[in-house]
Every structure is written in C-alpha cells, then in structure tokens.
C-alpha atoms as a PDB file:
ATOM      1  CA  MET A   1      35.912  90.291  19.181  1.00  0.00           C
ATOM      2  CA  PRO A   2      36.395  86.628  18.702  1.00  0.00           C
ATOM      3  CA  LYS A   3      39.471  84.505  19.735  1.00  0.00           C
ATOM      4  CA  ILE A   4      40.807  81.138  18.538  1.00  0.00           C
ATOM      5  CA  ILE A   5      42.666  79.339  20.745  1.00  0.00           C
ATOM      6  CA  HIS A   6      44.667  76.026  19.606  1.00  0.00           C
ATOM      7  CA  HIS A   7      45.866  74.009  22.627  1.00  0.00           C
ATOM      8  CA  ARG A   8      48.763  72.664  20.153  1.00  0.00           C
ATOM      9  CA  GLU A   9      50.384  70.494  22.503  1.00  0.00           C
ATOM     10  CA  LYS A  10      47.130  68.249  22.650  1.00  0.00           C
ATOM     11  CA  CYS A  11      46.703  68.168  19.001  1.00  0.00           C
ATOM     12  CA  ILE A  12      46.866  64.667  17.516  1.00  0.00           C
ATOM     13  CA  GLY A  13      47.609  65.659  13.811  1.00  0.00           C
ATOM     14  CA  CYS A  14      44.590  64.189  12.274  1.00  0.00           C
ATOM     15  CA  GLY A  15      44.136  67.281   9.849  1.00  0.00           C
ATOM     16  CA  THR A  16      40.335  67.724  10.108  1.00  0.00           C
ATOM     17  CA  CYS A  17      40.673  71.129  10.914  1.00  0.00           C
ATOM     18  CA  ALA A  18      43.059  71.949   7.597  1.00  0.00           C
ATOM     19  CA  ALA A  19      40.697  69.944   5.692  1.00  0.00           C
ATOM     20  CA  ILE A  20      37.599  71.789   6.820  1.00  0.00           C
ATOM     21  CA  CYS A  21      39.273  75.283   7.021  1.00  0.00           C
ATOM     22  CA  PRO A  22      42.493  75.650   5.030  1.00  0.00           C
ATOM     23  CA  GLU A  23      42.429  79.442   4.922  1.00  0.00           C
ATOM     24  CA  PHE A  24      43.363  79.448   8.736  1.00  0.00           C
ATOM     25  CA  TRP A  25      44.869  75.905   9.529  1.00  0.00           C
ATOM     26  CA  GLU A  26      47.844  73.968   7.969  1.00  0.00           C
ATOM     27  CA  MET A  27      49.499  70.839   8.990  1.00  0.00           C
ATOM     28  CA  ASP A  28      53.340  71.149  10.247  1.00  0.00           C
ATOM     29  CA  GLU A  29      55.857  69.088   8.330  1.00  0.00           C
ATOM     30  CA  LYS A  30      58.029  68.721  11.037  1.00  0.00           C
ATOM     31  CA  ASP A  31      55.838  67.465  13.889  1.00  0.00           C
ATOM     32  CA  PHE A  32      52.519  66.634  11.904  1.00  0.00           C
ATOM     33  CA  LYS A  33      50.455  68.745  14.196  1.00  0.00           C
ATOM     34  CA  ALA A  34      48.252  71.636  13.166  1.00  0.00           C
ATOM     35  CA  ASN A  35      49.316  75.240  12.880  1.00  0.00           C
ATOM     36  CA  LEU A  36      46.727  78.013  13.212  1.00  0.00           C
ATOM     37  CA  LYS A  37      47.866  80.477  10.262  1.00  0.00           C
ATOM     38  CA  GLY A  38      48.686  83.808  11.629  1.00  0.00           C
ATOM     39  CA  GLY A  39      48.438  82.912  15.230  1.00  0.00           C
ATOM     40  CA  LYS A  40      50.463  84.070  17.876  1.00  0.00           C
ATOM     41  CA  THR A  41      52.249  81.300  19.946  1.00  0.00           C
ATOM     42  CA  ASP A  42      52.367  81.574  23.896  1.00  0.00           C
ATOM     43  CA  LYS A  43      55.919  80.552  24.667  1.00  0.00           C
ATOM     44  CA  LYS A  44      54.804  78.878  28.055  1.00  0.00           C
ATOM     45  CA  THR A  45      51.881  77.049  26.927  1.00  0.00           C
ATOM     46  CA  GLY A  46      52.387  76.332  23.240  1.00  0.00           C
ATOM     47  CA  ASP A  47      49.117  77.492  22.509  1.00  0.00           C
ATOM     48  CA  GLN A  48      48.265  79.685  19.520  1.00  0.00           C
ATOM     49  CA  GLU A  49      45.749  82.509  19.447  1.00  0.00           C
ATOM     50  CA  LEU A  50      44.299  84.596  16.729  1.00  0.00           C
ATOM     51  CA  GLU A  51      41.687  87.465  17.116  1.00  0.00           C
ATOM     52  CA  MET A  52      39.344  87.934  14.157  1.00  0.00           C
ATOM     53  CA  LYS A  53      36.397  89.900  13.080  1.00  0.00           C
ATOM     54  CA  GLU A  54      34.589  86.523  12.224  1.00  0.00           C
ATOM     55  CA  LEU A  55      34.709  83.172  12.774  1.00  0.00           C
ATOM     56  CA  ALA A  56      34.452  81.946   9.196  1.00  0.00           C
ATOM     57  CA  CYS A  57      35.027  78.191   9.012  1.00  0.00           C
ATOM     58  CA  ASN A  58      36.917  78.034  12.287  1.00  0.00           C
ATOM     59  CA  GLN A  59      33.625  76.725  14.393  1.00  0.00           C
ATOM     60  CA  GLU A  60      33.270  74.028  12.027  1.00  0.00           C
ATOM     61  CA  ALA A  61      37.002  73.095  12.565  1.00  0.00           C
ATOM     62  CA  ALA A  62      36.524  73.242  16.410  1.00  0.00           C
ATOM     63  CA  ASP A  63      33.564  71.130  16.037  1.00  0.00           C
ATOM     64  CA  ALA A  64      34.859  68.676  14.021  1.00  0.00           C
ATOM     65  CA  CYS A  65      38.228  68.312  16.209  1.00  0.00           C
ATOM     66  CA  PRO A  66      38.210  64.905  17.474  1.00  0.00           C
ATOM     67  CA  VAL A  67      40.249  65.839  20.744  1.00  0.00           C
ATOM     68  CA  GLN A  68      38.415  69.268  21.177  1.00  0.00           C
ATOM     69  CA  VAL A  69      41.749  71.407  20.993  1.00  0.00           C
ATOM     70  CA  ILE A  70      40.359  74.197  19.300  1.00  0.00           C
ATOM     71  CA  GLU A  71      38.905  76.637  21.524  1.00  0.00           C
ATOM     72  CA  ILE A  72      36.578  79.509  20.147  1.00  0.00           C
ATOM     73  CA  LYS A  73      36.189  82.638  22.748  1.00  0.00           C
ATOM     74  CA  LEU A  74      33.408  85.185  21.810  1.00  0.00           C
END
C-alpha cells in the first residue's frame, strides 16, 4: 500500500502542495508549513505519514515541491 511521508521540518511553506492537492494538504496558520491531512506525526522526527490505497494528486504535489519534502513509498 502506498505511503506518503512529509518531512515537515524541512518544509518551507510555499503552499504548492495545498494548491495542487487540497484534498490531502493544508497550510498551518501557526507556522505556515504544510500539513498532511489525516497523517500521523512521528514525535521524534516531526514527519507526517499517511497510508492510502491510491496516490490521487499526491504524486503531483511531491513532484512540484521545490524542496522535495514529500516522499512517496510504493
């Protein structure tokens, strides 16, 4: 099952992922970084992870991220 991993600490908050894929991504109003909707946060690394049946628009979001902090594991 595909897994989306967002390396949130390295996010620059450009908002491209939320613009391309608002069903799964939103911008945090406190620190202006992206959040993976429904993702579980690793307390040690701050990474957010979400397993899903289909990637939907997440591959596009990963490809468009200027700092490549969205990882897709198949």
